[in-house]
Amino acid sequence: MSSVITFSAFAPNAYVALVFFAIAYASLAFTAAAIWSLPGDVAPTPGHVASIGGIQNFASNLAGIVTTTYLFIVGNIEPLPARDQGSLAPRATPAE
């Protein structure tokens, strides 16, 4: 469900984009509870829970490292140039 955030790029207005953001964040928060209970479920002893949680955190943050490295390979990511807003700009009146 968190992948619905992709649709926010194509939303017709900000309110629809916020709905997609809310769905994505809610699904991530819902999933986080299950993911962070996993170390307690699979640890052989209570003394191993923190170690398994640390390994899990390391593995999940590895994706962030790989993504950042990928951005360096791609190069600069810049916004698209703005469209000509000439029709919306106030018109200058000639000095008298």
PDB file of N, CA and C in Angstrom:
ATOM      1  N   MET A   1       0.812  -1.201   0.000  1.00  0.00           N
ATOM      2  CA  MET A   1       0.000   0.000   0.000  1.00  0.00           C
ATOM      3  C   MET A   1       0.851   1.259   0.000  1.00  0.00           C
ATOM      4  N   SER A   2       2.076   1.181   0.516  1.00  0.00           N
ATOM      5  CA  SER A   2       2.892   2.388   0.584  1.00  0.00           C
ATOM      6  C   SER A   2       3.306   2.875  -0.798  1.00  0.00           C
ATOM      7  N   SER A   3       3.202   2.032  -1.793  1.00  0.00           N
ATOM      8  CA  SER A   3       3.587   2.461  -3.143  1.00  0.00           C
ATOM      9  C   SER A   3       2.564   3.391  -3.784  1.00  0.00           C
ATOM     10  N   VAL A   4       1.401   3.604  -3.156  1.00  0.00           N
ATOM     11  CA  VAL A   4       0.436   4.551  -3.723  1.00  0.00           C
ATOM     12  C   VAL A   4       0.963   5.974  -3.701  1.00  0.00           C
ATOM     13  N   ILE A   5       2.050   6.211  -2.988  1.00  0.00           N
ATOM     14  CA  ILE A   5       2.651   7.544  -2.983  1.00  0.00           C
ATOM     15  C   ILE A   5       3.078   7.955  -4.390  1.00  0.00           C
ATOM     16  N   THR A   6       3.306   6.983  -5.248  1.00  0.00           N
ATOM     17  CA  THR A   6       3.665   7.268  -6.638  1.00  0.00           C
ATOM     18  C   THR A   6       2.567   8.054  -7.339  1.00  0.00           C
ATOM     19  N   PHE A   7       1.322   7.754  -7.003  1.00  0.00           N
ATOM     20  CA  PHE A   7       0.201   8.435  -7.650  1.00  0.00           C
ATOM     21  C   PHE A   7       0.109   9.908  -7.267  1.00  0.00           C
ATOM     22  N   SER A   8       0.749  10.308  -6.173  1.00  0.00           N
ATOM     23  CA  SER A   8       0.698  11.713  -5.775  1.00  0.00           C
ATOM     24  C   SER A   8       1.379  12.622  -6.802  1.00  0.00           C
ATOM     25  N   ALA A   9       2.303  12.064  -7.568  1.00  0.00           N
ATOM     26  CA  ALA A   9       2.958  12.864  -8.615  1.00  0.00           C
ATOM     27  C   ALA A   9       1.989  13.219  -9.734  1.00  0.00           C
ATOM     28  N   PHE A  10       0.939  12.437  -9.876  1.00  0.00           N
ATOM     29  CA  PHE A  10      -0.028  12.661 -10.939  1.00  0.00           C
ATOM     30  C   PHE A  10      -1.368  13.179 -10.417  1.00  0.00           C
ATOM     31  N   ALA A  11      -1.403  13.562  -9.157  1.00  0.00           N
ATOM     32  CA  ALA A  11      -2.653  14.018  -8.534  1.00  0.00           C
ATOM     33  C   ALA A  11      -3.095  15.344  -9.144  1.00  0.00           C
ATOM     34  N   PRO A  12      -4.396  15.518  -9.327  1.00  0.00           N
ATOM     35  CA  PRO A  12      -4.897  16.753  -9.933  1.00  0.00           C
ATOM     36  C   PRO A  12      -4.783  17.974  -9.026  1.00  0.00           C
ATOM     37  N   ASN A  13      -4.707  17.755  -7.696  1.00  0.00           N
ATOM     38  CA  ASN A  13      -4.533  18.883  -6.781  1.00  0.00           C
ATOM     39  C   ASN A  13      -3.831  18.399  -5.520  1.00  0.00           C
ATOM     40  N   ALA A  14      -3.531  19.347  -4.640  1.00  0.00           N
ATOM     41  CA  ALA A  14      -2.760  19.030  -3.435  1.00  0.00           C
ATOM     42  C   ALA A  14      -3.540  18.146  -2.472  1.00  0.00           C
ATOM     43  N   TYR A  15      -4.848  18.280  -2.424  1.00  0.00           N
ATOM     44  CA  TYR A  15      -5.641  17.485  -1.496  1.00  0.00           C
ATOM     45  C   TYR A  15      -5.618  16.001  -1.854  1.00  0.00           C
ATOM     46  N   VAL A  16      -5.682  15.698  -3.119  1.00  0.00           N
ATOM     47  CA  VAL A  16      -5.608  14.297  -3.549  1.00  0.00           C
ATOM     48  C   VAL A  16      -4.214  13.746  -3.271  1.00  0.00           C
ATOM     49  N   ALA A  17      -3.185  14.565  -3.488  1.00  0.00           N
ATOM     50  CA  ALA A  17      -1.817  14.141  -3.187  1.00  0.00           C
ATOM     51  C   ALA A  17      -1.663  13.854  -1.698  1.00  0.00           C
ATOM     52  N   LEU A  18      -2.278  14.675  -0.850  1.00  0.00           N
ATOM     53  CA  LEU A  18      -2.204  14.445   0.592  1.00  0.00           C
ATOM     54  C   LEU A  18      -2.905  13.147   0.999  1.00  0.00           C
ATOM     55  N   VAL A  19      -3.968  12.793   0.306  1.00  0.00           N
ATOM     56  CA  VAL A  19      -4.636  11.519   0.584  1.00  0.00           C
ATOM     57  C   VAL A  19      -3.691  10.360   0.266  1.00  0.00           C
ATOM     58  N   PHE A  20      -2.994  10.451  -0.852  1.00  0.00           N
ATOM     59  CA  PHE A  20      -2.024   9.407  -1.197  1.00  0.00           C
ATOM     60  C   PHE A  20      -0.883   9.356  -0.178  1.00  0.00           C
ATOM     61  N   PHE A  21      -0.415  10.519   0.264  1.00  0.00           N
ATOM     62  CA  PHE A  21       0.630  10.561   1.296  1.00  0.00           C
ATOM     63  C   PHE A  21       0.142   9.883   2.574  1.00  0.00           C
ATOM     64  N   ALA A  22      -1.087  10.192   2.971  1.00  0.00           N
ATOM     65  CA  ALA A  22      -1.633   9.635   4.207  1.00  0.00           C
ATOM     66  C   ALA A  22      -1.764   8.114   4.125  1.00  0.00           C
ATOM     67  N   ILE A  23      -2.227   7.618   2.998  1.00  0.00           N
ATOM     68  CA  ILE A  23      -2.350   6.163   2.830  1.00  0.00           C
ATOM     69  C   ILE A  23      -0.975   5.505   2.894  1.00  0.00           C
ATOM     70  N   ALA A  24       0.003   6.109   2.223  1.00  0.00           N
ATOM     71  CA  ALA A  24       1.352   5.537   2.209  1.00  0.00           C
ATOM     72  C   ALA A  24       1.958   5.534   3.606  1.00  0.00           C
ATOM     73  N   TYR A  25       1.831   6.652   4.320  1.00  0.00           N
ATOM     74  CA  TYR A  25       2.419   6.720   5.656  1.00  0.00           C
ATOM     75  C   TYR A  25       1.715   5.780   6.625  1.00  0.00           C
ATOM     76  N   ALA A  26       0.397   5.707   6.550  1.00  0.00           N
ATOM     77  CA  ALA A  26      -0.346   4.815   7.440  1.00  0.00           C
ATOM     78  C   ALA A  26       0.035   3.360   7.208  1.00  0.00           C
ATOM     79  N   SER A  27       0.216   2.981   5.959  1.00  0.00           N
ATOM     80  CA  SER A  27       0.592   1.594   5.685  1.00  0.00           C
ATOM     81  C   SER A  27       2.008   1.291   6.164  1.00  0.00           C
ATOM     82  N   LEU A  28       2.915   2.274   6.071  1.00  0.00           N
ATOM     83  CA  LEU A  28       4.270   2.066   6.588  1.00  0.00           C
ATOM     84  C   LEU A  28       4.267   1.961   8.113  1.00  0.00           C
ATOM     85  N   ALA A  29       3.470   2.797   8.772  1.00  0.00           N
ATOM     86  CA  ALA A  29       3.393   2.747  10.232  1.00  0.00           C
ATOM     87  C   ALA A  29       2.769   1.431  10.706  1.00  0.00           C
ATOM     88  N   PHE A  30       1.771   0.964   9.989  1.00  0.00           N
ATOM     89  CA  PHE A  30       1.124  -0.304  10.331  1.00  0.00           C
ATOM     90  C   PHE A  30       2.107  -1.462  10.181  1.00  0.00           C
ATOM     91  N   THR A  31       2.897  -1.417   9.134  1.00  0.00           N
ATOM     92  CA  THR A  31       3.856  -2.479   8.871  1.00  0.00           C
ATOM     93  C   THR A  31       5.020  -2.447   9.852  1.00  0.00           C
ATOM     94  N   ALA A  32       5.407  -1.252  10.289  1.00  0.00           N
ATOM     95  CA  ALA A  32       6.552  -1.131  11.190  1.00  0.00           C
ATOM     96  C   ALA A  32       6.336  -1.886  12.491  1.00  0.00           C
ATOM     97  N   ALA A  33       5.119  -1.892  12.991  1.00  0.00           N
ATOM     98  CA  ALA A  33       4.852  -2.621  14.233  1.00  0.00           C
ATOM     99  C   ALA A  33       5.133  -4.112  14.070  1.00  0.00           C
ATOM    100  N   ALA A  34       4.739  -4.656  12.952  1.00  0.00           N
ATOM    101  CA  ALA A  34       4.978  -6.080  12.710  1.00  0.00           C
ATOM    102  C   ALA A  34       6.467  -6.356  12.471  1.00  0.00           C
ATOM    103  N   ILE A  35       7.121  -5.460  11.762  1.00  0.00           N
ATOM    104  CA  ILE A  35       8.540  -5.679  11.449  1.00  0.00           C
ATOM    105  C   ILE A  35       9.397  -5.610  12.705  1.00  0.00           C
ATOM    106  N   TRP A  36       9.123  -4.638  13.587  1.00  0.00           N
ATOM    107  CA  TRP A  36       9.960  -4.495  14.769  1.00  0.00           C
ATOM    108  C   TRP A  36       9.627  -5.498  15.867  1.00  0.00           C
ATOM    109  N   SER A  37       8.537  -6.233  15.733  1.00  0.00           N
ATOM    110  CA  SER A  37       8.276  -7.316  16.687  1.00  0.00           C
ATOM    111  C   SER A  37       8.980  -8.606  16.260  1.00  0.00           C
ATOM    112  N   LEU A  38       9.444  -8.651  15.029  1.00  0.00           N
ATOM    113  CA  LEU A  38      10.102  -9.846  14.505  1.00  0.00           C
ATOM    114  C   LEU A  38      11.346 -10.258  15.307  1.00  0.00           C
ATOM    115  N   PRO A  39      12.251  -9.342  15.677  1.00  0.00           N
ATOM    116  CA  PRO A  39      13.426  -9.793  16.449  1.00  0.00           C
ATOM    117  C   PRO A  39      13.056 -10.500  17.750  1.00  0.00           C
ATOM    118  N   GLY A  40      12.009 -10.032  18.417  1.00  0.00           N
ATOM    119  CA  GLY A  40      11.585 -10.698  19.643  1.00  0.00           C
ATOM    120  C   GLY A  40      11.002 -12.079  19.396  1.00  0.00           C
ATOM    121  N   ASP A  41      10.444 -12.280  18.216  1.00  0.00           N
ATOM    122  CA  ASP A  41       9.846 -13.575  17.891  1.00  0.00           C
ATOM    123  C   ASP A  41      10.877 -14.620  17.484  1.00  0.00           C
ATOM    124  N   VAL A  42      11.945 -14.199  16.831  1.00  0.00           N
ATOM    125  CA  VAL A  42      12.899 -15.171  16.300  1.00  0.00           C
ATOM    126  C   VAL A  42      14.163 -15.324  17.146  1.00  0.00           C
ATOM    127  N   ALA A  43      14.348 -14.464  18.137  1.00  0.00           N
ATOM    128  CA  ALA A  43      15.565 -14.543  18.959  1.00  0.00           C
ATOM    129  C   ALA A  43      15.546 -15.816  19.808  1.00  0.00           C
ATOM    130  N   PRO A  44      16.676 -16.518  19.861  1.00  0.00           N
ATOM    131  CA  PRO A  44      16.709 -17.748  20.661  1.00  0.00           C
ATOM    132  C   PRO A  44      16.621 -17.470  22.165  1.00  0.00           C
ATOM    133  N   THR A  45      17.161 -16.338  22.619  1.00  0.00           N
ATOM    134  CA  THR A  45      17.068 -15.945  24.030  1.00  0.00           C
ATOM    135  C   THR A  45      16.758 -14.459  24.095  1.00  0.00           C
ATOM    136  N   PRO A  46      16.253 -13.970  25.222  1.00  0.00           N
ATOM    137  CA  PRO A  46      15.988 -12.536  25.342  1.00  0.00           C
ATOM    138  C   PRO A  46      17.241 -11.676  25.170  1.00  0.00           C
ATOM    139  N   GLY A  47      18.400 -12.233  25.439  1.00  0.00           N
ATOM    140  CA  GLY A  47      19.653 -11.503  25.272  1.00  0.00           C
ATOM    141  C   GLY A  47      20.034 -11.254  23.819  1.00  0.00           C
ATOM    142  N   HIS A  48      19.396 -11.948  22.891  1.00  0.00           N
ATOM    143  CA  HIS A  48      19.715 -11.797  21.477  1.00  0.00           C
ATOM    144  C   HIS A  48      18.792 -10.822  20.742  1.00  0.00           C
ATOM    145  N   VAL A  49      17.749 -10.346  21.393  1.00  0.00           N
ATOM    146  CA  VAL A  49      16.754  -9.503  20.714  1.00  0.00           C
ATOM    147  C   VAL A  49      17.395  -8.226  20.176  1.00  0.00           C
ATOM    148  N   ALA A  50      18.203  -7.562  20.986  1.00  0.00           N
ATOM    149  CA  ALA A  50      18.820  -6.303  20.547  1.00  0.00           C
ATOM    150  C   ALA A  50      19.787  -6.526  19.387  1.00  0.00           C
ATOM    151  N   SER A  51      20.537  -7.620  19.436  1.00  0.00           N
ATOM    152  CA  SER A  51      21.482  -7.907  18.347  1.00  0.00           C
ATOM    153  C   SER A  51      20.752  -8.162  17.037  1.00  0.00           C
ATOM    154  N   ILE A  52      19.689  -8.941  17.098  1.00  0.00           N
ATOM    155  CA  ILE A  52      18.925  -9.223  15.881  1.00  0.00           C
ATOM    156  C   ILE A  52      18.246  -7.948  15.376  1.00  0.00           C
ATOM    157  N   GLY A  53      17.752  -7.118  16.301  1.00  0.00           N
ATOM    158  CA  GLY A  53      17.174  -5.834  15.895  1.00  0.00           C
ATOM    159  C   GLY A  53      18.199  -4.935  15.232  1.00  0.00           C
ATOM    160  N   GLY A  54      19.436  -4.940  15.725  1.00  0.00           N
ATOM    161  CA  GLY A  54      20.503  -4.153  15.108  1.00  0.00           C
ATOM    162  C   GLY A  54      20.859  -4.649  13.720  1.00  0.00           C
ATOM    163  N   ILE A  55      20.901  -5.958  13.555  1.00  0.00           N
ATOM    164  CA  ILE A  55      21.169  -6.535  12.230  1.00  0.00           C
ATOM    165  C   ILE A  55      20.044  -6.163  11.264  1.00  0.00           C
ATOM    166  N   GLN A  56      18.822  -6.254  11.755  1.00  0.00           N
ATOM    167  CA  GLN A  56      17.674  -5.891  10.920  1.00  0.00           C
ATOM    168  C   GLN A  56      17.738  -4.413  10.520  1.00  0.00           C
ATOM    169  N   ASN A  57      18.084  -3.546  11.471  1.00  0.00           N
ATOM    170  CA  ASN A  57      18.185  -2.118  11.179  1.00  0.00           C
ATOM    171  C   ASN A  57      19.306  -1.846  10.177  1.00  0.00           C
ATOM    172  N   PHE A  58      20.441  -2.530  10.336  1.00  0.00           N
ATOM    173  CA  PHE A  58      21.542  -2.375   9.395  1.00  0.00           C
ATOM    174  C   PHE A  58      21.117  -2.766   7.981  1.00  0.00           C
ATOM    175  N   ALA A  59      20.432  -3.887   7.865  1.00  0.00           N
ATOM    176  CA  ALA A  59      20.015  -4.356   6.541  1.00  0.00           C
ATOM    177  C   ALA A  59      19.023  -3.401   5.897  1.00  0.00           C
ATOM    178  N   SER A  60      18.111  -2.845   6.690  1.00  0.00           N
ATOM    179  CA  SER A  60      17.136  -1.927   6.106  1.00  0.00           C
ATOM    180  C   SER A  60      17.775  -0.597   5.725  1.00  0.00           C
ATOM    181  N   ASN A  61      18.769  -0.157   6.483  1.00  0.00           N
ATOM    182  CA  ASN A  61      19.451   1.093   6.134  1.00  0.00           C
ATOM    183  C   ASN A  61      20.409   0.925   4.971  1.00  0.00           C
ATOM    184  N   LEU A  62      20.775  -0.298   4.682  1.00  0.00           N
ATOM    185  CA  LEU A  62      21.632  -0.556   3.531  1.00  0.00           C
ATOM    186  C   LEU A  62      20.950  -0.106   2.237  1.00  0.00           C
ATOM    187  N   ALA A  63      19.637  -0.222   2.192  1.00  0.00           N
ATOM    188  CA  ALA A  63      18.886   0.244   1.019  1.00  0.00           C
ATOM    189  C   ALA A  63      19.051   1.751   0.837  1.00  0.00           C
ATOM    190  N   GLY A  64      19.066   2.498   1.931  1.00  0.00           N
ATOM    191  CA  GLY A  64      19.292   3.945   1.839  1.00  0.00           C
ATOM    192  C   GLY A  64      20.682   4.282   1.334  1.00  0.00           C
ATOM    193  N   ILE A  65      21.652   3.505   1.737  1.00  0.00           N
ATOM    194  CA  ILE A  65      23.016   3.734   1.267  1.00  0.00           C
ATOM    195  C   ILE A  65      23.120   3.452  -0.227  1.00  0.00           C
ATOM    196  N   VAL A  66      22.539   2.357  -0.661  1.00  0.00           N
ATOM    197  CA  VAL A  66      22.578   2.003  -2.081  1.00  0.00           C
ATOM    198  C   VAL A  66      21.851   3.052  -2.915  1.00  0.00           C
ATOM    199  N   THR A  67      20.711   3.533  -2.429  1.00  0.00           N
ATOM    200  CA  THR A  67      19.956   4.549  -3.164  1.00  0.00           C
ATOM    201  C   THR A  67      20.752   5.837  -3.284  1.00  0.00           C
ATOM    202  N   THR A  68      21.404   6.246  -2.202  1.00  0.00           N
ATOM    203  CA  THR A  68      22.218   7.462  -2.239  1.00  0.00           C
ATOM    204  C   THR A  68      23.363   7.304  -3.223  1.00  0.00           C
ATOM    205  N   THR A  69      24.010   6.161  -3.215  1.00  0.00           N
ATOM    206  CA  THR A  69      25.095   5.904  -4.162  1.00  0.00           C
ATOM    207  C   THR A  69      24.564   5.978  -5.588  1.00  0.00           C
ATOM    208  N   TYR A  70      23.368   5.442  -5.809  1.00  0.00           N
ATOM    209  CA  TYR A  70      22.765   5.484  -7.143  1.00  0.00           C
ATOM    210  C   TYR A  70      22.540   6.928  -7.585  1.00  0.00           C
ATOM    211  N   LEU A  71      22.161   7.800  -6.662  1.00  0.00           N
ATOM    212  CA  LEU A  71      21.943   9.205  -7.007  1.00  0.00           C
ATOM    213  C   LEU A  71      23.241   9.879  -7.432  1.00  0.00           C
ATOM    214  N   PHE A  72      24.368   9.483  -6.848  1.00  0.00           N
ATOM    215  CA  PHE A  72      25.645  10.044  -7.270  1.00  0.00           C
ATOM    216  C   PHE A  72      26.001   9.586  -8.679  1.00  0.00           C
ATOM    217  N   ILE A  73      25.602   8.386  -9.030  1.00  0.00           N
ATOM    218  CA  ILE A  73      25.871   7.878 -10.368  1.00  0.00           C
ATOM    219  C   ILE A  73      25.016   8.598 -11.404  1.00  0.00           C
ATOM    220  N   VAL A  74      23.745   8.858 -11.050  1.00  0.00           N
ATOM    221  CA  VAL A  74      22.830   9.518 -11.975  1.00  0.00           C
ATOM    222  C   VAL A  74      23.269  10.947 -12.246  1.00  0.00           C
ATOM    223  N   GLY A  75      23.764  11.632 -11.226  1.00  0.00           N
ATOM    224  CA  GLY A  75      24.184  13.019 -11.388  1.00  0.00           C
ATOM    225  C   GLY A  75      23.195  13.965 -10.734  1.00  0.00           C
ATOM    226  N   ASN A  76      23.276  15.231 -11.126  1.00  0.00           N
ATOM    227  CA  ASN A  76      22.416  16.248 -10.531  1.00  0.00           C
ATOM    228  C   ASN A  76      20.960  16.030 -10.914  1.00  0.00           C
ATOM    229  N   ILE A  77      20.112  16.146  -9.926  1.00  0.00           N
ATOM    230  CA  ILE A  77      18.677  16.096 -10.164  1.00  0.00           C
ATOM    231  C   ILE A  77      18.157  17.498  -9.903  1.00  0.00           C
ATOM    232  N   GLU A  78      17.671  18.132 -10.933  1.00  0.00           N
ATOM    233  CA  GLU A  78      17.237  19.518 -10.829  1.00  0.00           C
ATOM    234  C   GLU A  78      15.778  19.639 -11.230  1.00  0.00           C
ATOM    235  N   PRO A  79      15.101  20.672 -10.719  1.00  0.00           N
ATOM    236  CA  PRO A  79      13.704  20.865 -11.129  1.00  0.00           C
ATOM    237  C   PRO A  79      13.609  21.249 -12.593  1.00  0.00           C
ATOM    238  N   LEU A  80      12.480  20.941 -13.178  1.00  0.00           N
ATOM    239  CA  LEU A  80      12.243  21.326 -14.558  1.00  0.00           C
ATOM    240  C   LEU A  80      12.095  22.838 -14.647  1.00  0.00           C
ATOM    241  N   PRO A  81      12.455  23.438 -15.770  1.00  0.00           N
ATOM    242  CA  PRO A  81      12.284  24.885 -15.899  1.00  0.00           C
ATOM    243  C   PRO A  81      10.801  25.252 -15.864  1.00  0.00           C
ATOM    244  N   ALA A  82      10.509  26.404 -15.277  1.00  0.00           N
ATOM    245  CA  ALA A  82       9.127  26.863 -15.170  1.00  0.00           C
ATOM    246  C   ALA A  82       8.611  27.283 -16.538  1.00  0.00           C
ATOM    247  N   ARG A  83       7.314  27.115 -16.710  1.00  0.00           N
ATOM    248  CA  ARG A  83       6.691  27.566 -17.956  1.00  0.00           C
ATOM    249  C   ARG A  83       6.631  29.083 -17.975  1.00  0.00           C
ATOM    250  N   ASP A  84       6.495  29.622 -19.163  1.00  0.00           N
ATOM    251  CA  ASP A  84       6.385  31.073 -19.308  1.00  0.00           C
ATOM    252  C   ASP A  84       5.076  31.527 -18.673  1.00  0.00           C
ATOM    253  N   GLN A  85       5.169  32.398 -17.707  1.00  0.00           N
ATOM    254  CA  GLN A  85       3.995  32.903 -17.006  1.00  0.00           C
ATOM    255  C   GLN A  85       3.642  34.310 -17.494  1.00  0.00           C
ATOM    256  N   GLY A  86       4.020  34.629 -18.714  1.00  0.00           N
ATOM    257  CA  GLY A  86       3.812  35.974 -19.252  1.00  0.00           C
ATOM    258  C   GLY A  86       2.372  36.434 -19.195  1.00  0.00           C
ATOM    259  N   SER A  87       1.414  35.557 -19.437  1.00  0.00           N
ATOM    260  CA  SER A  87       0.024  35.984 -19.435  1.00  0.00           C
ATOM    261  C   SER A  87      -0.470  36.267 -18.026  1.00  0.00           C
ATOM    262  N   LEU A  88       0.221  35.758 -16.999  1.00  0.00           N
ATOM    263  CA  LEU A  88      -0.206  35.979 -15.633  1.00  0.00           C
ATOM    264  C   LEU A  88       0.500  37.160 -14.979  1.00  0.00           C
ATOM    265  N   ALA A  89       1.572  37.641 -15.590  1.00  0.00           N
ATOM    266  CA  ALA A  89       2.321  38.747 -15.005  1.00  0.00           C
ATOM    267  C   ALA A  89       1.587  40.054 -15.229  1.00  0.00           C
ATOM    268  N   PRO A  90       1.688  41.003 -14.272  1.00  0.00           N
ATOM    269  CA  PRO A  90       1.024  42.297 -14.465  1.00  0.00           C
ATOM    270  C   PRO A  90       1.687  43.052 -15.610  1.00  0.00           C
ATOM    271  N   ARG A  91       0.881  43.743 -16.347  1.00  0.00           N
ATOM    272  CA  ARG A  91       1.404  44.494 -17.493  1.00  0.00           C
ATOM    273  C   ARG A  91       1.885  45.848 -17.041  1.00  0.00           C
ATOM    274  N   ALA A  92       2.986  46.246 -17.618  1.00  0.00           N
ATOM    275  CA  ALA A  92       3.550  47.566 -17.305  1.00  0.00           C
ATOM    276  C   ALA A  92       2.755  48.632 -18.056  1.00  0.00           C
ATOM    277  N   THR A  93       2.477  49.702 -17.363  1.00  0.00           N
ATOM    278  CA  THR A  93       1.776  50.808 -18.012  1.00  0.00           C
ATOM    279  C   THR A  93       2.810  51.837 -18.444  1.00  0.00           C
ATOM    280  N   PRO A  94       2.615  52.456 -19.585  1.00  0.00           N
ATOM    281  CA  PRO A  94       3.583  53.448 -20.060  1.00  0.00           C
ATOM    282  C   PRO A  94       3.593  54.673 -19.147  1.00  0.00           C
ATOM    283  N   ALA A  95       4.772  55.205 -18.919  1.00  0.00           N
ATOM    284  CA  ALA A  95       4.899  56.420 -18.081  1.00  0.00           C
ATOM    285  C   ALA A  95       4.355  57.615 -18.853  1.00  0.00           C
ATOM    286  N   GLU A  96       3.648  58.477 -18.134  1.00  0.00           N
ATOM    287  CA  GLU A  96       3.075  59.661 -18.794  1.00  0.00           C
ATOM    288  C   GLU A  96       3.900  60.877 -18.543  1.00  0.00           C
TER     289      GLU A  96
END
